[in-house]
N, C-alpha and C. Protein backbone atom coordinates (compact mmCIF):
# COMPACT_ATOMS: atom_id res chain seq x y z
N UNK A 1 122.88 85.21 110.65
CA UNK A 1 122.28 84.96 109.13
C UNK A 1 121.89 83.49 109.25
N UNK A 2 121.14 82.72 108.56
CA UNK A 2 121.03 81.32 108.35
C UNK A 2 122.24 80.69 108.16
N UNK A 3 122.40 79.81 108.72
CA UNK A 3 123.68 79.05 108.45
C UNK A 3 123.45 77.86 107.39
N UNK A 4 122.70 76.94 107.81
CA UNK A 4 122.59 75.64 106.62
C UNK A 4 121.35 76.05 105.53
N UNK A 5 121.50 75.32 104.78
CA UNK A 5 120.64 75.71 103.51
C UNK A 5 119.11 75.04 103.87
N UNK A 6 118.34 75.93 103.74
CA UNK A 6 116.80 75.67 104.31
C UNK A 6 115.73 75.68 102.81
N UNK A 7 114.78 74.96 103.12
CA UNK A 7 113.80 74.88 102.15
C UNK A 7 112.54 75.46 102.38
N UNK A 8 112.08 76.33 101.68
CA UNK A 8 111.05 77.51 102.29
C UNK A 8 109.79 77.23 101.47
N UNK A 9 108.63 76.86 101.80
CA UNK A 9 107.63 77.02 100.92
C UNK A 9 106.87 78.33 101.07
N UNK A 10 106.45 78.89 100.21
CA UNK A 10 105.72 80.30 100.33
C UNK A 10 104.55 80.12 99.33
N UNK A 11 103.31 80.77 100.01
CA UNK A 11 102.06 80.82 99.36
C UNK A 11 102.08 82.03 98.36
N UNK A 12 100.95 81.83 97.72
CA UNK A 12 101.03 83.30 96.68
C UNK A 12 99.91 84.44 97.12
N UNK A 13 98.72 83.89 96.98
CA UNK A 13 97.60 84.95 97.27
C UNK A 13 97.70 85.30 98.73
N UNK A 14 97.76 86.38 98.99
CA UNK A 14 97.85 87.18 100.34
C UNK A 14 98.94 86.91 101.13
N UNK A 15 100.17 86.36 100.61
CA UNK A 15 101.51 86.35 100.95
C UNK A 15 102.45 86.89 100.17
N UNK A 16 102.43 86.56 98.97
CA UNK A 16 103.66 87.33 98.06
C UNK A 16 102.80 88.49 97.53
N UNK A 17 101.59 88.30 97.23
CA UNK A 17 100.80 89.41 96.62
C UNK A 17 99.61 89.50 97.67
N UNK A 18 99.02 90.67 97.47
CA UNK A 18 97.56 91.04 98.31
C UNK A 18 96.63 90.04 97.38
N UNK A 19 95.67 89.65 98.44
CA UNK A 19 94.71 88.49 97.94
C UNK A 19 93.70 89.10 97.12
N UNK A 20 93.63 88.65 95.69
CA UNK A 20 92.62 89.25 94.63
C UNK A 20 92.28 88.17 93.99
N UNK A 21 92.39 86.63 94.37
CA UNK A 21 91.89 85.61 93.74
C UNK A 21 90.43 85.57 92.97
N UNK A 22 90.31 85.54 91.87
CA UNK A 22 91.42 84.56 90.94
C UNK A 22 92.34 85.62 90.19
N UNK A 23 92.11 86.96 90.48
CA UNK A 23 93.23 87.82 89.89
C UNK A 23 94.48 87.82 90.61
N UNK A 24 95.45 88.64 90.23
CA UNK A 24 96.79 88.94 91.06
C UNK A 24 96.90 90.26 91.62
N UNK A 25 97.04 90.28 92.81
CA UNK A 25 96.85 91.54 93.70
C UNK A 25 98.19 92.01 93.49
N UNK A 26 98.54 93.45 94.05
CA UNK A 26 99.61 94.07 94.20
C UNK A 26 100.74 93.40 95.06
N UNK A 27 101.92 93.46 94.61
CA UNK A 27 102.91 92.62 95.50
C UNK A 27 102.98 93.39 97.09
N UNK A 28 103.21 92.27 98.15
CA UNK A 28 103.26 92.66 99.23
C UNK A 28 104.57 93.49 99.43
N UNK A 29 104.47 94.56 100.31
CA UNK A 29 105.67 95.23 100.69
C UNK A 29 107.13 94.67 100.84
N UNK A 30 108.04 94.61 100.41
CA UNK A 30 109.32 93.84 100.65
C UNK A 30 109.47 92.34 100.25
N UNK A 31 108.05 92.01 99.85
CA UNK A 31 107.96 90.31 99.27
C UNK A 31 108.88 89.94 98.42
N UNK A 32 109.00 90.58 97.33
CA UNK A 32 110.21 89.94 96.16
C UNK A 32 111.83 90.56 96.85
N UNK A 33 111.85 91.49 97.36
CA UNK A 33 113.10 91.95 98.08
C UNK A 33 113.60 90.70 99.05
N UNK A 34 112.70 90.23 99.90
CA UNK A 34 113.14 89.36 100.77
C UNK A 34 113.23 87.73 100.20
N UNK A 35 112.53 87.47 99.08
CA UNK A 35 112.60 86.30 98.50
C UNK A 35 113.85 86.13 97.75
N UNK A 36 114.25 87.47 97.03
CA UNK A 36 115.39 87.15 96.29
C UNK A 36 116.81 87.39 97.21
N UNK A 37 116.82 87.92 98.46
CA UNK A 37 117.90 87.71 99.42
C UNK A 37 117.81 86.39 99.84
N UNK A 38 116.72 85.67 100.11
CA UNK A 38 116.56 84.23 100.48
C UNK A 38 117.52 83.43 99.37
N UNK A 39 117.00 83.52 98.19
CA UNK A 39 117.53 82.72 97.09
C UNK A 39 119.13 83.38 96.89
N UNK A 40 119.61 84.47 97.05
CA UNK A 40 120.89 84.85 96.98
C UNK A 40 121.97 84.03 98.31
N UNK A 41 120.99 83.93 99.37
CA UNK A 41 121.69 82.97 100.43
C UNK A 41 121.98 81.87 100.21
N UNK A 42 121.28 81.19 99.11
CA UNK A 42 121.42 79.80 98.88
C UNK A 42 120.52 78.97 99.42
N UNK A 43 119.33 79.33 99.72
CA UNK A 43 118.09 78.78 100.22
C UNK A 43 117.07 78.26 99.13
N UNK A 44 116.38 77.35 99.09
CA UNK A 44 115.53 76.74 98.27
C UNK A 44 114.00 77.51 98.43
N UNK A 45 113.43 77.72 97.35
CA UNK A 45 112.05 78.60 97.66
C UNK A 45 111.04 77.54 96.59
N UNK A 46 109.93 76.97 97.23
CA UNK A 46 109.06 76.19 96.79
C UNK A 46 107.72 76.95 96.74
N UNK A 47 107.13 77.19 95.74
CA UNK A 47 105.72 78.01 95.62
C UNK A 47 104.62 77.05 95.94
N UNK A 48 103.87 77.39 97.02
CA UNK A 48 103.21 76.34 97.43
C UNK A 48 101.60 77.19 97.76
N UNK A 49 100.90 76.76 96.75
CA UNK A 49 99.62 77.54 96.60
C UNK A 49 98.24 76.68 96.17
N UNK A 50 97.32 77.40 96.53
CA UNK A 50 95.94 76.53 95.96
C UNK A 50 95.62 76.74 94.60
N UNK A 51 96.49 77.50 93.80
CA UNK A 51 96.10 77.78 92.48
C UNK A 51 96.71 76.60 91.65
N UNK A 52 95.78 76.36 90.52
CA UNK A 52 96.24 75.36 89.45
C UNK A 52 95.89 75.73 88.03
N UNK A 53 96.45 75.12 87.17
CA UNK A 53 96.15 75.18 85.81
C UNK A 53 96.70 76.72 85.28
N UNK A 54 95.53 77.43 84.74
CA UNK A 54 96.01 78.56 83.97
C UNK A 54 96.15 79.58 85.16
N UNK A 55 95.53 79.69 86.19
CA UNK A 55 95.79 80.49 87.51
C UNK A 55 97.11 80.28 88.19
N UNK A 56 97.57 79.22 88.03
CA UNK A 56 98.88 78.66 88.51
C UNK A 56 99.98 79.20 87.66
N UNK A 57 99.79 79.11 86.40
CA UNK A 57 101.04 79.57 85.27
C UNK A 57 100.92 81.07 85.52
N UNK A 58 99.77 81.73 85.84
CA UNK A 58 99.93 83.11 85.79
C UNK A 58 100.51 83.62 87.11
N UNK A 59 100.34 83.16 88.21
CA UNK A 59 101.15 83.33 89.33
C UNK A 59 102.87 82.88 89.18
N UNK A 60 103.14 81.84 88.74
CA UNK A 60 104.53 81.57 88.30
C UNK A 60 105.13 82.53 87.22
N UNK A 61 104.49 83.14 86.50
CA UNK A 61 104.92 83.91 85.58
C UNK A 61 104.98 85.39 86.11
N UNK A 62 104.08 85.83 86.94
CA UNK A 62 104.22 87.02 87.73
C UNK A 62 105.60 87.00 88.64
N UNK A 63 105.57 86.11 89.26
CA UNK A 63 107.09 85.63 90.34
C UNK A 63 108.26 85.79 89.43
N UNK A 64 108.06 85.19 88.05
CA UNK A 64 109.38 85.18 86.97
C UNK A 64 109.58 86.67 86.83
N UNK A 65 108.41 87.42 86.27
CA UNK A 65 108.56 88.79 85.87
C UNK A 65 109.33 89.70 87.06
N UNK A 66 109.08 89.34 88.29
CA UNK A 66 109.72 89.96 89.40
C UNK A 66 110.75 89.52 90.01
N UNK A 67 111.65 88.59 89.39
CA UNK A 67 112.64 88.10 89.57
C UNK A 67 112.94 86.83 90.25
N UNK A 68 111.74 86.11 90.69
CA UNK A 68 112.04 84.69 91.40
C UNK A 68 111.43 83.83 90.58
N UNK A 69 112.25 82.55 90.59
CA UNK A 69 111.99 81.62 90.05
C UNK A 69 111.93 80.45 91.10
N UNK A 70 111.00 79.51 91.15
CA UNK A 70 110.92 78.65 92.22
C UNK A 70 111.70 77.28 91.91
N UNK A 71 112.05 76.61 92.93
CA UNK A 71 112.82 75.41 92.89
C UNK A 71 111.81 74.16 92.09
N UNK A 72 110.48 74.36 92.98
CA UNK A 72 109.33 73.51 92.60
C UNK A 72 108.03 74.41 92.87
N UNK A 73 107.18 73.83 92.29
CA UNK A 73 105.84 74.43 92.45
C UNK A 73 104.78 73.51 92.92
N UNK A 74 104.30 73.63 94.12
CA UNK A 74 102.93 72.75 94.54
C UNK A 74 103.66 71.35 94.74
N UNK A 75 105.01 71.22 94.95
CA UNK A 75 105.59 69.79 95.07
C UNK A 75 106.88 69.98 95.95
N UNK A 76 107.34 68.85 96.33
CA UNK A 76 108.61 69.10 97.11
C UNK A 76 109.93 69.21 96.18
N UNK A 77 109.72 68.65 95.04
CA UNK A 77 111.13 68.67 94.08
C UNK A 77 110.38 68.77 92.70
N UNK A 78 111.07 69.27 91.84
CA UNK A 78 110.50 69.27 90.45
C UNK A 78 109.98 68.24 89.84
N UNK A 79 110.69 66.85 89.86
CA UNK A 79 110.40 65.70 89.35
C UNK A 79 109.35 64.99 89.98
N UNK A 80 108.76 65.59 91.26
CA UNK A 80 107.62 64.83 91.86
C UNK A 80 106.38 64.49 91.05
N UNK A 81 105.83 63.39 91.21
CA UNK A 81 104.68 63.27 90.38
C UNK A 81 103.71 62.77 91.41
N UNK A 82 102.69 63.18 91.66
CA UNK A 82 101.40 62.64 92.84
C UNK A 82 101.08 61.34 92.32
N UNK A 83 101.24 60.56 93.53
CA UNK A 83 100.34 59.23 93.50
C UNK A 83 99.85 59.18 95.03
N UNK A 84 98.80 58.42 95.13
CA UNK A 84 98.27 57.89 96.40
C UNK A 84 99.29 57.60 97.33
N UNK A 85 100.38 57.22 97.20
CA UNK A 85 101.48 56.56 97.88
C UNK A 85 102.42 57.71 98.44
N UNK A 86 102.37 58.80 98.12
CA UNK A 86 103.04 60.04 98.78
C UNK A 86 102.03 60.94 99.28
N UNK A 87 102.66 61.59 100.37
CA UNK A 87 101.74 62.84 101.30
C UNK A 87 101.71 63.90 99.99
N UNK A 88 100.45 64.62 100.33
CA UNK A 88 100.43 66.11 99.38
C UNK A 88 101.31 67.27 100.40
N UNK A 89 101.72 66.87 101.38
CA UNK A 89 102.27 68.14 102.11
C UNK A 89 103.50 68.32 101.64
N UNK A 90 104.17 69.23 101.32
CA UNK A 90 105.30 69.93 100.93
C UNK A 90 106.53 69.48 102.16
N UNK A 91 107.63 69.08 101.86
CA UNK A 91 108.59 68.85 102.69
C UNK A 91 109.61 70.12 102.51
N UNK A 92 109.26 70.71 103.78
CA UNK A 92 109.99 72.25 103.85
C UNK A 92 110.34 72.40 105.07
N UNK A 93 111.24 73.19 105.66
CA UNK A 93 111.80 73.53 106.83
C UNK A 93 110.92 74.74 107.40
N UNK A 94 110.44 75.64 106.54
CA UNK A 94 109.57 76.64 106.83
C UNK A 94 108.57 76.76 105.91
N UNK A 95 107.44 77.37 106.41
CA UNK A 95 106.20 77.63 105.53
C UNK A 95 105.92 79.27 106.00
N UNK A 96 105.74 79.66 104.71
CA UNK A 96 105.31 81.34 104.92
C UNK A 96 103.79 81.46 104.07
N UNK A 97 103.03 81.75 105.01
CA UNK A 97 101.52 81.61 104.59
C UNK A 97 100.90 82.65 105.33
N UNK A 98 99.80 83.22 104.40
CA UNK A 98 98.87 84.41 105.26
C UNK A 98 97.77 83.48 106.18
N UNK A 99 97.66 82.45 105.88
CA UNK A 99 96.75 81.42 106.98
C UNK A 99 97.42 81.02 107.91
N UNK A 100 98.60 81.43 108.14
CA UNK A 100 99.36 80.95 109.34
C UNK A 100 98.42 81.25 110.74
N UNK A 101 98.53 80.73 111.72
CA UNK A 101 97.99 80.91 113.05
C UNK A 101 98.55 82.21 113.60
N UNK A 102 97.80 83.28 113.85
CA UNK A 102 98.25 84.61 114.16
C UNK A 102 98.29 85.49 112.84
N UNK A 103 98.11 84.82 111.69
CA UNK A 103 98.22 85.82 110.47
C UNK A 103 99.41 85.79 109.88
N UNK A 104 99.28 86.64 108.97
CA UNK A 104 100.73 87.05 108.24
C UNK A 104 101.36 88.25 108.89
N UNK A 105 102.55 88.12 108.97
CA UNK A 105 103.58 88.99 109.67
C UNK A 105 104.26 89.80 108.61
N UNK A 106 104.89 90.88 108.52
CA UNK A 106 105.31 91.82 107.69
C UNK A 106 106.74 90.79 106.81
N UNK A 107 106.77 91.24 105.63
CA UNK A 107 108.04 90.69 105.08
C UNK A 107 109.13 91.34 105.75
N UNK A 108 109.29 92.71 106.27
CA UNK A 108 110.34 93.06 106.82
C UNK A 108 110.66 92.13 108.05
N UNK A 109 109.55 91.80 108.90
CA UNK A 109 109.83 91.07 110.18
C UNK A 109 110.45 89.74 109.68
N UNK A 110 109.80 89.04 108.53
CA UNK A 110 110.45 87.71 108.03
C UNK A 110 111.78 87.92 107.71
N UNK A 111 112.28 88.92 107.07
CA UNK A 111 113.73 89.07 106.80
C UNK A 111 114.49 89.31 108.05
N UNK A 112 114.18 89.83 108.94
CA UNK A 112 114.89 90.15 110.24
C UNK A 112 114.77 88.71 110.92
N UNK A 113 113.87 88.10 110.91
CA UNK A 113 113.96 86.79 111.67
C UNK A 113 114.89 85.77 111.07
N UNK A 114 114.80 85.73 109.63
CA UNK A 114 115.62 84.82 108.83
C UNK A 114 117.06 85.14 108.86
N UNK A 115 117.30 86.59 108.69
CA UNK A 115 118.85 87.01 108.78
C UNK A 115 119.37 87.45 110.02
N UNK A 116 118.20 87.47 111.07
CA UNK A 116 118.77 87.88 112.57
C UNK A 116 119.45 89.47 112.37
N UNK A 117 118.67 90.41 111.59
CA UNK A 117 119.45 91.41 111.43
C UNK A 117 118.21 92.61 111.92
N UNK A 118 118.75 93.66 112.51
CA UNK A 118 117.91 94.73 112.92
C UNK A 118 118.17 96.02 111.94
N UNK A 119 116.97 96.78 111.51
CA UNK A 119 117.28 97.77 110.77
C UNK A 119 118.34 98.78 111.31
N UNK A 120 119.18 99.32 110.57
CA UNK A 120 120.13 100.45 111.23
C UNK A 120 119.14 101.59 111.62
N UNK A 121 119.56 102.14 112.77
CA UNK A 121 119.00 103.34 113.36
C UNK A 121 119.56 104.52 112.84
N UNK A 122 119.03 105.43 112.38
CA UNK A 122 119.57 106.80 111.91
C UNK A 122 120.17 107.32 113.02
N UNK A 123 121.49 107.99 113.03
CA UNK A 123 122.13 108.77 113.73
C UNK A 123 121.45 110.02 114.03
N UNK A 124 121.28 110.70 115.03
CA UNK A 124 120.88 111.90 115.11
C UNK A 124 121.86 112.90 114.64
N UNK A 125 121.69 114.19 113.96
CA UNK A 125 122.62 114.93 113.52
C UNK A 125 122.66 116.09 114.63
N UNK A 126 124.05 116.39 114.64
CA UNK A 126 124.17 117.39 115.70
C UNK A 126 124.39 118.84 114.99
N UNK A 127 123.59 119.65 115.71
CA UNK A 127 123.61 121.01 115.26
C UNK A 127 124.81 121.87 115.78
N UNK A 128 124.75 123.14 115.15
CA UNK A 128 125.86 123.90 115.48
C UNK A 128 125.99 124.40 117.06
N UNK A 129 124.84 124.49 117.58
CA UNK A 129 124.67 124.74 119.05
C UNK A 129 124.61 123.48 119.72
N UNK A 130 124.85 122.20 119.58
CA UNK A 130 124.31 121.10 120.01
C UNK A 130 125.29 120.70 121.26
N UNK A 131 126.21 121.72 121.56
CA UNK A 131 126.98 121.58 122.81
C UNK A 131 126.25 122.49 124.06
N UNK A 132 125.40 123.32 123.74
CA UNK A 132 124.51 124.19 124.89
C UNK A 132 123.44 123.25 125.25
N UNK A 133 123.31 122.93 126.55
CA UNK A 133 122.27 122.21 127.05
C UNK A 133 121.37 123.00 127.84
N UNK A 134 120.21 122.94 127.74
CA UNK A 134 119.13 123.51 128.40
C UNK A 134 118.88 122.93 129.78
């Protein structure tokens, strides 16, 4: 499992939901489950998206409806105010984005990488005659 508290910046379109901009696509498989687990483990989530104005509000509300509230949106901390003296780059330890070099990996893989877990393999059932070998 992750030991230290991490700040994780997450894109919206094509990452949390299928890309249907300017609309909101269907949630990506395991996206909200993984994001909830990340928050439960005490890590900080920042929404980092191209969206602004009403379209940004729609994305934030969609995430809230699905159980995710972000520490900050399109900024490194909630009180940050954009000026020419600071970088627009978000200060995060990890970025999750479909525009990543190599493309978007599955949320299942993200979960496994972050929490270093492997899915449990189902055990084979033993039948009544399993002792007989051919």
